[in-house]
Amino acid sequence: MGDSTARVGIPQRLERLPLTGYQNIIFGIIATAWFFDSMDLGMLTFVLGSLKTYFNLNTAQAGLLSSMSFLGMFLGAAVAGMLADRFGRKLVFQWSMVLWGTASILCAFAGNVQSLMLYRVLLGFGMGMEFPIGQSLVSEFIPAQHRGRYIALLEGFWPIGFIGAGILAYILLPMGGWRWVFIAEGIPAIFVLIIRRIVPESPRWLEDAGRYAEADRVMTMIENKVREHLGGKELPAPVAGIVSSATRERRFSFLDLWAPGYVKRTIMVWSLWFFALLGYYGLTTWLGALLQQAGYPVTKSVFYTILISLAGIPGFFTSAYLVEAWGRKGTCVLMLLGSAVMAYFYGTAANQTQLIIFGLAMQFFMFGMWSVLYAYTPELYPTRARATGAGFASSIGRLGSLIGPYVVGIILPTIGHGGVFGLGAIAFIVAAAAVVVLGEETKGKVLEEISA
């Protein structure tokens, strides 16, 4: 197929493809990388109490240590989006894994809390790069009618990674302490070799970058793989009526996020990410340490945190279903308000039974919230700026992540556990209000149609 056909045909050719094992293999590889990344991010919830004791930190210092990962994620998310829109999704995705894997190993050998903070910034930088690129890759490979569910499922690997981090901590903390936990976390970065071999570059991005022959070659390879998985059956005709992104003006700067066609979306999505992550990480990062502070031993606090996190699995499955059956906007508001209500009740729990019940419900809604965030955000911007738009939204969210744990460390001695969870509930309500007032529905729409 010649260049001129490829120039107008990549979205049409992608959207007509039936889902087969080939797309599921690509999704599974990206999701596995996401799982390992999520383990690294979630681990601090389980080892913060041990680090606090080892380095003799007060609550403010422990909060500052918790925030270092998010400082790195703030920087990484902003930079990665622009790099991925300039140099490609695949290259940046690979480098993100190299960075967080190396940084995790360095954390294991930190001699003091200052060096540990520095390595956590580097680790966060790598993780901040990976998240928006992963969602952009999946959103550009999966057809519109399945895209929301797949991105929601991708984000579902976050609670699975979080639970995996808890299990790893539960096993390794009594055996070798927190240093061995960080070493074990860094090893999976070798998975980058599989990504390098199997995952192709996004043909949508290649076409948009003007690399038409390469876009056609990659697209033809994808079509051949899908045809093989269909047993040699002929593929459906290309979907008509989709305008290729390659026919539009290529230039798109940071200021264009605030252009008339995108300003409302940008205000909404930045507000959503900032307040949702402020509430989430302000609470979740401290879960294990708060339980230890309440008198539970390390192993029991880790066990309880793993236990309540199990509700995140049905939470993200529910969200993955609702984003396609009901829509992105309604599901997002539901999960945010559910998180707010259950966070408040968790903070006021009077006994262990209430702690577990409200904790399970809180994690159900909070992990469901994550699924919608990652399904919704990349759909709001065109291909030429999808990683930039998603990256800056994620980066603004990391500001909330950065502020949340540190603020909790400062105010905890004054307002107590109930006050902390009450403030988290307010943050979720503000995020929900932004979606209600400014959000628009994108369910079932082709990416090029939304960005037109």
Protein backbone atom coordinates (compact mmCIF):
# COMPACT_ATOMS: atom_id res chain seq x y z
CA MET A 1 0.00 0.00 0.00
CA GLY A 2 1.51 3.33 -1.04
CA ASP A 3 2.30 6.37 1.04
CA SER A 4 -0.75 8.34 -0.07
CA THR A 5 -3.08 5.57 1.13
CA ALA A 6 -1.23 5.27 4.42
CA ARG A 7 -1.40 9.04 4.87
CA VAL A 8 -5.21 9.03 5.01
CA GLY A 9 -5.77 5.46 6.06
CA ILE A 10 -4.11 4.57 9.39
CA PRO A 11 -7.11 5.36 11.66
CA GLN A 12 -9.52 3.73 9.17
CA ARG A 13 -7.35 0.62 9.01
CA LEU A 14 -6.88 0.41 12.79
CA GLU A 15 -10.53 0.95 13.67
CA ARG A 16 -11.76 -1.84 11.38
CA LEU A 17 -9.58 -4.52 12.99
CA PRO A 18 -11.39 -7.12 15.10
CA LEU A 19 -9.83 -7.76 18.49
CA THR A 20 -7.66 -10.88 18.47
CA GLY A 21 -4.94 -12.51 20.52
CA TYR A 22 -2.38 -10.24 18.85
CA GLN A 23 -3.81 -7.02 20.30
CA ASN A 24 -4.26 -8.83 23.60
CA ILE A 25 -0.56 -9.80 23.60
CA ILE A 26 0.45 -6.16 23.10
CA PHE A 27 -1.98 -5.09 25.81
CA GLY A 28 -0.69 -7.80 28.15
CA ILE A 29 2.94 -6.70 27.71
CA ILE A 30 2.12 -3.04 28.38
CA ALA A 31 -0.09 -4.03 31.33
CA THR A 32 2.68 -6.19 32.81
CA ALA A 33 5.11 -3.27 32.65
CA TRP A 34 2.39 -1.16 34.29
CA PHE A 35 2.04 -3.84 37.01
CA PHE A 36 5.76 -3.71 37.86
CA ASP A 37 5.68 0.09 37.88
CA SER A 38 2.65 0.07 40.18
CA MET A 39 4.45 -2.26 42.57
CA ASP A 40 7.26 0.28 42.92
CA LEU A 41 4.85 3.14 43.52
CA GLY A 42 2.66 1.26 45.97
CA MET A 43 5.51 -0.21 47.99
CA LEU A 44 6.08 2.91 50.08
CA THR A 45 2.67 2.36 51.68
CA PHE A 46 4.03 -0.89 53.14
CA VAL A 47 7.61 0.12 54.02
CA LEU A 48 7.07 3.72 55.19
CA GLY A 49 6.61 2.60 58.79
CA SER A 50 9.86 0.60 58.66
CA LEU A 51 11.75 3.49 57.04
CA LYS A 52 10.35 5.90 59.63
CA THR A 53 11.72 3.68 62.40
CA TYR A 54 15.06 2.89 60.71
CA PHE A 55 15.94 6.52 60.00
CA ASN A 56 14.23 7.82 63.17
CA LEU A 57 11.94 10.20 61.24
CA ASN A 58 9.15 12.35 62.66
CA THR A 59 5.81 12.49 60.83
CA ALA A 60 6.74 15.60 58.83
CA GLN A 61 10.02 14.02 57.66
CA ALA A 62 8.24 10.78 56.77
CA GLY A 63 5.69 12.79 54.79
CA LEU A 64 8.49 14.57 52.94
CA LEU A 65 10.12 11.22 52.09
CA SER A 66 6.75 9.97 50.80
CA SER A 67 6.42 13.00 48.57
CA MET A 68 9.78 12.55 46.83
CA SER A 69 8.47 9.89 44.45
CA PHE A 70 5.72 12.25 43.41
CA LEU A 71 8.13 15.11 42.84
CA GLY A 72 9.89 12.83 40.37
CA MET A 73 6.56 11.78 38.84
CA PHE A 74 5.56 15.43 38.40
CA LEU A 75 8.75 16.08 36.42
CA GLY A 76 8.70 12.76 34.56
CA ALA A 77 5.07 12.99 33.45
CA ALA A 78 5.49 16.51 32.06
CA VAL A 79 8.72 15.71 30.21
CA ALA A 80 7.65 12.27 28.94
CA GLY A 81 4.52 13.50 27.23
CA MET A 82 6.43 16.03 25.14
CA LEU A 83 9.23 13.53 24.42
CA ALA A 84 6.74 10.85 23.35
CA ASP A 85 4.94 13.24 21.01
CA ARG A 86 8.35 14.22 19.57
CA PHE A 87 10.31 10.92 19.49
CA GLY A 88 7.66 8.21 19.74
CA ARG A 89 5.79 6.23 22.37
CA LYS A 90 7.90 3.07 22.35
CA LEU A 91 11.33 4.67 22.90
CA VAL A 92 10.20 6.77 25.86
CA PHE A 93 8.29 3.84 27.36
CA GLN A 94 11.46 1.72 27.33
CA TRP A 95 13.62 4.41 28.94
CA SER A 96 11.06 4.90 31.68
CA MET A 97 11.53 1.27 32.73
CA VAL A 98 15.31 1.55 32.72
CA LEU A 99 15.11 4.60 34.99
CA TRP A 100 12.74 3.21 37.62
CA GLY A 101 14.47 -0.15 37.71
CA THR A 102 17.90 1.42 38.26
CA ALA A 103 16.53 3.82 40.86
CA SER A 104 14.87 1.04 42.84
CA ILE A 105 18.19 -0.81 43.14
CA LEU A 106 19.87 2.44 44.23
CA CYS A 107 17.21 2.88 46.95
CA ALA A 108 18.27 -0.44 48.43
CA PHE A 109 21.80 0.88 48.98
CA ALA A 110 20.86 4.31 50.37
CA GLY A 111 23.10 5.16 53.31
CA ASN A 112 20.97 7.97 54.71
CA VAL A 113 17.53 9.46 54.27
CA GLN A 114 18.84 12.26 52.02
CA SER A 115 20.22 9.84 49.43
CA LEU A 116 17.06 7.73 49.70
CA MET A 117 14.99 10.84 48.91
CA LEU A 118 17.16 11.55 45.87
CA TYR A 119 16.78 8.01 44.55
CA ARG A 120 13.01 8.16 45.15
CA VAL A 121 12.88 11.29 42.96
CA LEU A 122 14.69 9.39 40.18
CA LEU A 123 12.40 6.39 40.62
CA GLY A 124 9.36 8.66 40.47
CA PHE A 125 10.72 10.31 37.32
CA GLY A 126 10.76 6.92 35.57
CA MET A 127 7.30 6.03 36.82
CA GLY A 128 5.93 9.43 35.83
CA MET A 129 7.22 8.81 32.31
CA GLU A 130 5.64 5.38 32.00
CA PHE A 131 2.05 6.02 33.05
CA PRO A 132 0.95 8.57 30.39
CA ILE A 133 2.88 6.77 27.65
CA GLY A 134 1.31 3.42 28.51
CA GLN A 135 -2.19 4.85 28.33
CA SER A 136 -1.41 6.62 25.03
CA LEU A 137 -0.09 3.39 23.49
CA VAL A 138 -3.15 1.38 24.48
CA SER A 139 -5.59 4.11 23.42
CA GLU A 140 -3.96 4.27 19.97
CA PHE A 141 -3.93 0.49 19.35
CA ILE A 142 -7.43 -0.46 20.53
CA PRO A 143 -10.54 0.35 18.40
CA ALA A 144 -13.03 2.89 19.77
CA GLN A 145 -15.72 0.41 20.78
CA HIS A 146 -13.29 -1.42 23.09
CA ARG A 147 -10.88 1.37 24.05
CA GLY A 148 -12.47 2.53 27.31
CA ARG A 149 -12.69 -0.98 28.71
CA TYR A 150 -9.08 -1.81 27.82
CA ILE A 151 -7.64 1.36 29.32
CA ALA A 152 -9.75 0.83 32.43
CA LEU A 153 -8.41 -2.73 32.61
CA LEU A 154 -4.88 -1.40 32.13
CA GLU A 155 -5.33 0.80 35.17
CA GLY A 156 -6.68 -2.26 36.97
CA PHE A 157 -3.13 -3.53 37.04
CA TRP A 158 -2.46 -0.74 39.54
CA PRO A 159 -4.44 -2.40 42.39
CA ILE A 160 -2.97 -5.76 41.40
CA GLY A 161 0.51 -4.20 41.54
CA PHE A 162 -0.35 -2.56 44.86
CA ILE A 163 -1.44 -5.91 46.29
CA GLY A 164 1.67 -7.53 44.81
CA ALA A 165 3.79 -4.91 46.58
CA GLY A 166 2.07 -5.74 49.85
CA ILE A 167 2.65 -9.48 49.43
CA LEU A 168 6.31 -8.85 48.58
CA ALA A 169 6.71 -6.62 51.63
CA TYR A 170 4.91 -9.15 53.83
CA ILE A 171 7.37 -11.86 52.76
CA LEU A 172 10.63 -9.88 52.58
CA LEU A 173 10.34 -7.36 55.45
CA PRO A 174 10.64 -10.02 58.20
CA MET A 175 13.38 -11.84 56.24
CA GLY A 176 15.72 -9.10 55.03
CA GLY A 177 14.19 -5.70 55.77
CA TRP A 178 13.30 -2.87 53.43
CA ARG A 179 16.55 -2.98 51.43
CA TRP A 180 15.75 -6.39 49.99
CA VAL A 181 12.28 -5.17 49.09
CA PHE A 182 13.75 -2.43 46.90
CA ILE A 183 16.21 -4.85 45.25
CA ALA A 184 13.39 -7.25 44.40
CA GLU A 185 11.40 -4.37 42.92
CA GLY A 186 14.18 -3.27 40.57
CA ILE A 187 14.76 -6.65 38.92
CA PRO A 188 11.59 -6.69 36.73
CA ALA A 189 12.89 -3.69 34.74
CA ILE A 190 14.65 -6.28 32.56
CA PHE A 191 11.17 -6.78 31.07
CA VAL A 192 12.09 -3.84 28.82
CA LEU A 193 13.80 -6.38 26.52
CA ILE A 194 10.44 -7.98 25.75
CA ILE A 195 8.86 -4.60 25.01
CA ARG A 196 11.73 -3.78 22.66
CA ARG A 197 11.20 -6.98 20.67
CA ILE A 198 7.42 -7.34 20.50
CA VAL A 199 5.57 -4.02 20.95
CA PRO A 200 5.53 -1.91 17.74
CA GLU A 201 5.54 1.86 17.58
CA SER A 202 2.09 3.44 17.37
CA PRO A 203 1.22 3.69 13.65
CA ARG A 204 -1.10 6.58 14.51
CA TRP A 205 1.88 8.49 15.90
CA LEU A 206 4.12 7.55 12.96
CA GLU A 207 1.56 8.85 10.49
CA ASP A 208 1.04 12.01 12.51
CA ALA A 209 4.81 12.56 12.61
CA GLY A 210 4.92 12.45 8.81
CA ARG A 211 6.70 9.06 8.69
CA TYR A 212 4.15 7.66 6.26
CA ALA A 213 6.13 4.75 4.81
CA GLU A 214 7.04 3.52 8.30
CA ALA A 215 3.44 3.95 9.46
CA ASP A 216 2.26 1.87 6.50
CA ARG A 217 4.88 -0.83 7.19
CA VAL A 218 3.93 -1.12 10.88
CA MET A 219 0.22 -1.03 10.06
CA THR A 220 0.64 -3.76 7.45
CA MET A 221 2.52 -5.90 9.99
CA ILE A 222 -0.31 -5.41 12.52
CA GLU A 223 -2.91 -6.34 9.89
CA ASN A 224 -0.98 -9.48 8.96
CA LYS A 225 -0.72 -10.51 12.63
CA VAL A 226 -4.44 -9.99 13.15
CA ARG A 227 -5.18 -11.96 9.97
CA GLU A 228 -3.01 -14.83 11.26
CA HIS A 229 -4.93 -14.89 14.55
CA LEU A 230 -8.18 -15.01 12.54
CA GLY A 231 -6.96 -18.12 10.72
CA GLY A 232 -6.30 -16.31 7.46
CA LYS A 233 -9.75 -14.71 7.16
CA GLU A 234 -10.03 -11.49 5.20
CA LEU A 235 -10.22 -8.32 7.26
CA PRO A 236 -13.25 -6.01 7.18
CA ALA A 237 -13.16 -2.99 4.89
CA PRO A 238 -11.53 0.16 6.35
CA VAL A 239 -13.93 2.27 8.42
CA ALA A 240 -15.25 5.18 6.37
CA GLY A 241 -15.77 8.69 7.64
CA ILE A 242 -12.72 8.98 9.91
CA VAL A 243 -10.50 11.96 9.13
CA SER A 244 -6.82 11.10 9.43
CA SER A 245 -4.83 13.16 11.89
CA ALA A 246 -2.16 13.51 9.21
CA THR A 247 -4.39 15.88 7.25
CA ARG A 248 -4.36 18.43 10.05
CA GLU A 249 -1.82 21.04 11.14
CA ARG A 250 1.03 19.31 12.93
CA ARG A 251 2.15 22.07 15.31
CA PHE A 252 0.78 21.76 18.84
CA SER A 253 2.44 23.49 21.77
CA PHE A 254 1.77 23.63 25.49
CA LEU A 255 -0.17 26.86 24.93
CA ASP A 256 -2.50 25.02 22.55
CA LEU A 257 -3.82 23.05 25.54
CA TRP A 258 -5.46 26.37 26.40
CA ALA A 259 -6.82 27.09 22.91
CA PRO A 260 -10.62 27.58 22.55
CA GLY A 261 -11.18 23.95 21.51
CA TYR A 262 -9.30 22.52 24.49
CA VAL A 263 -9.30 25.04 27.35
CA LYS A 264 -12.46 23.64 28.98
CA ARG A 265 -11.11 20.08 28.75
CA THR A 266 -7.75 21.12 30.16
CA ILE A 267 -9.25 22.97 33.15
CA MET A 268 -11.49 19.98 33.88
CA VAL A 269 -8.84 17.31 33.55
CA TRP A 270 -6.19 19.24 35.51
CA SER A 271 -8.66 19.89 38.35
CA LEU A 272 -9.73 16.25 38.28
CA TRP A 273 -6.18 14.90 38.45
CA PHE A 274 -4.94 17.38 41.07
CA PHE A 275 -7.72 16.88 43.62
CA ALA A 276 -8.23 13.15 42.97
CA LEU A 277 -4.53 12.41 43.51
CA LEU A 278 -4.27 14.84 46.43
CA GLY A 279 -6.98 12.86 48.19
CA TYR A 280 -5.81 9.42 47.11
CA TYR A 281 -2.11 9.65 47.93
CA GLY A 282 -2.63 11.82 50.97
CA LEU A 283 -4.54 8.88 52.42
CA THR A 284 -3.12 5.72 50.82
CA THR A 285 0.59 6.46 51.33
CA TRP A 286 -0.05 6.65 55.07
CA LEU A 287 -2.36 3.62 55.45
CA GLY A 288 0.29 1.22 56.77
CA ALA A 289 2.07 3.82 58.91
CA LEU A 290 -1.22 4.99 60.44
CA LEU A 291 -2.11 1.43 61.39
CA GLN A 292 1.31 1.01 63.00
CA GLN A 293 0.85 4.31 64.81
CA ALA A 294 -2.50 2.98 66.09
CA GLY A 295 -0.66 0.10 67.71
CA TYR A 296 -0.66 -2.65 65.08
CA PRO A 297 2.69 -4.43 64.51
CA VAL A 298 4.40 -4.13 61.11
CA THR A 299 3.29 -7.51 59.75
CA LYS A 300 -0.32 -7.00 60.88
CA SER A 301 -0.53 -3.48 59.43
CA VAL A 302 0.82 -4.79 56.11
CA PHE A 303 -1.70 -7.65 56.21
CA TYR A 304 -4.66 -5.32 56.88
CA THR A 305 -3.56 -2.95 54.11
CA ILE A 306 -3.35 -5.87 51.64
CA LEU A 307 -6.74 -7.14 52.83
CA ILE A 308 -8.64 -3.90 52.21
CA SER A 309 -6.82 -3.41 48.89
CA LEU A 310 -8.34 -6.64 47.56
CA ALA A 311 -11.58 -4.71 47.02
CA GLY A 312 -9.73 -2.72 44.36
CA ILE A 313 -9.94 -5.71 41.99
CA PRO A 314 -13.77 -5.77 41.72
CA GLY A 315 -13.58 -1.96 41.82
CA PHE A 316 -11.61 -1.67 38.61
CA PHE A 317 -13.63 -4.45 36.90
CA THR A 318 -16.82 -2.57 37.76
CA SER A 319 -15.35 0.66 36.45
CA ALA A 320 -14.12 -1.07 33.26
CA TYR A 321 -17.69 -2.24 32.62
CA LEU A 322 -19.38 1.04 33.48
CA VAL A 323 -17.16 3.28 31.30
CA GLU A 324 -18.50 1.49 28.21
CA ALA A 325 -22.02 0.63 29.43
CA TRP A 326 -22.77 3.97 31.10
CA GLY A 327 -20.05 6.42 30.09
CA ARG A 328 -16.83 8.02 31.29
CA LYS A 329 -18.34 11.09 32.95
CA GLY A 330 -20.98 9.38 35.08
CA THR A 331 -18.64 6.59 36.14
CA CYS A 332 -15.96 9.10 37.12
CA VAL A 333 -18.36 11.09 39.32
CA LEU A 334 -19.72 7.90 40.93
CA MET A 335 -16.27 6.61 41.84
CA LEU A 336 -15.11 9.98 43.21
CA LEU A 337 -18.18 10.51 45.39
CA GLY A 338 -18.04 6.90 46.59
CA SER A 339 -14.38 7.44 47.52
CA ALA A 340 -15.32 10.60 49.45
CA VAL A 341 -18.09 8.95 51.47
CA MET A 342 -16.10 5.84 52.33
CA ALA A 343 -12.92 7.78 53.16
CA TYR A 344 -14.91 9.78 55.71
CA PHE A 345 -16.39 6.65 57.30
CA TYR A 346 -12.98 4.92 57.31
CA GLY A 347 -11.50 7.85 59.20
CA THR A 348 -14.25 7.63 61.82
CA ALA A 349 -14.19 3.83 62.20
CA ALA A 350 -14.70 2.91 65.87
CA ASN A 351 -13.38 -0.66 65.81
CA GLN A 352 -11.46 -3.19 63.75
CA THR A 353 -14.57 -4.55 62.00
CA GLN A 354 -15.62 -1.09 60.80
CA LEU A 355 -12.03 -0.41 59.76
CA ILE A 356 -12.04 -3.44 57.46
CA ILE A 357 -15.57 -2.89 56.06
CA PHE A 358 -15.13 0.81 55.29
CA GLY A 359 -11.56 0.20 54.11
CA LEU A 360 -12.79 -2.38 51.60
CA ALA A 361 -15.47 -0.01 50.31
CA MET A 362 -13.02 2.90 50.14
CA GLN A 363 -10.51 0.93 48.07
CA PHE A 364 -13.30 -0.34 45.78
CA PHE A 365 -14.22 3.20 44.78
CA MET A 366 -10.67 4.62 44.77
CA PHE A 367 -9.29 1.96 42.45
CA GLY A 368 -12.39 2.30 40.28
CA MET A 369 -11.62 6.02 40.12
CA TRP A 370 -8.15 5.27 38.74
CA SER A 371 -9.61 3.20 35.90
CA VAL A 372 -11.79 6.09 34.72
CA LEU A 373 -8.98 8.64 34.98
CA TYR A 374 -6.81 6.68 32.59
CA ALA A 375 -9.65 5.78 30.21
CA TYR A 376 -10.94 9.37 30.01
CA THR A 377 -7.82 11.56 29.84
CA PRO A 378 -6.09 10.44 26.59
CA GLU A 379 -9.40 10.69 24.70
CA LEU A 380 -9.57 14.46 25.20
CA TYR A 381 -6.61 15.43 22.97
CA PRO A 382 -5.55 14.77 19.33
CA THR A 383 -2.84 12.26 18.40
CA ARG A 384 -0.22 14.97 17.88
CA ALA A 385 -0.72 16.09 21.49
CA ARG A 386 -2.21 13.04 23.23
CA ALA A 387 0.87 12.18 25.26
CA THR A 388 1.51 15.86 25.97
CA GLY A 389 -2.06 16.43 27.17
CA ALA A 390 -2.14 13.23 29.22
CA GLY A 391 1.38 13.88 30.48
CA PHE A 392 0.62 17.37 31.76
CA ALA A 393 -2.63 16.19 33.36
CA SER A 394 -0.71 13.42 35.09
CA SER A 395 1.99 15.89 36.04
CA ILE A 396 -0.53 18.26 37.66
CA GLY A 397 -1.92 15.22 39.46
CA ARG A 398 1.57 14.49 40.77
CA LEU A 399 1.59 17.95 42.34
CA GLY A 400 -1.41 16.76 44.34
CA SER A 401 0.44 13.53 45.08
CA LEU A 402 3.47 15.52 46.20
CA ILE A 403 1.48 17.82 48.48
CA GLY A 404 -0.85 15.20 49.97
CA PRO A 405 1.52 12.92 51.93
CA TYR A 406 3.62 15.84 53.18
CA VAL A 407 0.60 17.81 54.37
CA VAL A 408 -0.73 14.72 56.15
CA GLY A 409 2.61 14.34 57.94
CA ILE A 410 2.38 17.94 59.17
CA ILE A 411 -1.31 18.10 60.18
CA LEU A 412 -1.73 14.56 61.52
CA PRO A 413 -0.59 15.40 65.08
CA THR A 414 -3.13 18.26 65.16
CA ILE A 415 -6.33 16.95 63.56
CA GLY A 416 -5.86 13.19 63.98
CA HIS A 417 -6.85 10.32 61.67
CA GLY A 418 -10.49 11.40 61.32
CA GLY A 419 -9.55 14.92 60.22
CA VAL A 420 -7.05 13.60 57.67
CA PHE A 421 -9.64 11.33 56.03
CA GLY A 422 -12.24 14.11 56.16
CA LEU A 423 -9.92 16.39 54.18
CA GLY A 424 -9.31 13.57 51.71
CA ALA A 425 -13.08 13.26 51.24
CA ILE A 426 -13.35 16.99 50.46
CA ALA A 427 -10.62 16.65 47.79
CA PHE A 428 -12.62 13.87 46.06
CA ILE A 429 -15.79 15.99 46.13
CA VAL A 430 -14.01 18.94 44.49
CA ALA A 431 -12.69 16.61 41.74
CA ALA A 432 -16.21 15.26 41.15
CA ALA A 433 -17.61 18.80 40.90
CA ALA A 434 -15.07 19.66 38.16
CA VAL A 435 -16.24 16.68 36.10
CA VAL A 436 -19.94 17.47 36.61
CA VAL A 437 -19.54 21.10 35.55
CA LEU A 438 -16.89 20.88 32.80
CA GLY A 439 -16.69 17.25 31.69
CA GLU A 440 -17.90 15.95 28.32
CA GLU A 441 -18.78 12.40 27.34
CA THR A 442 -16.40 10.51 24.99
CA LYS A 443 -17.88 6.99 25.14
CA GLY A 444 -17.85 5.13 21.84
CA LYS A 445 -16.26 7.92 19.81
CA VAL A 446 -13.26 7.40 17.51
CA LEU A 447 -10.20 9.34 18.72
CA GLU A 448 -10.05 11.45 15.56
CA GLU A 449 -13.76 12.34 15.95
CA ILE A 450 -13.28 13.56 19.55
CA SER A 451 -10.28 15.66 18.52
CA ALA A 452 -11.86 17.16 15.42
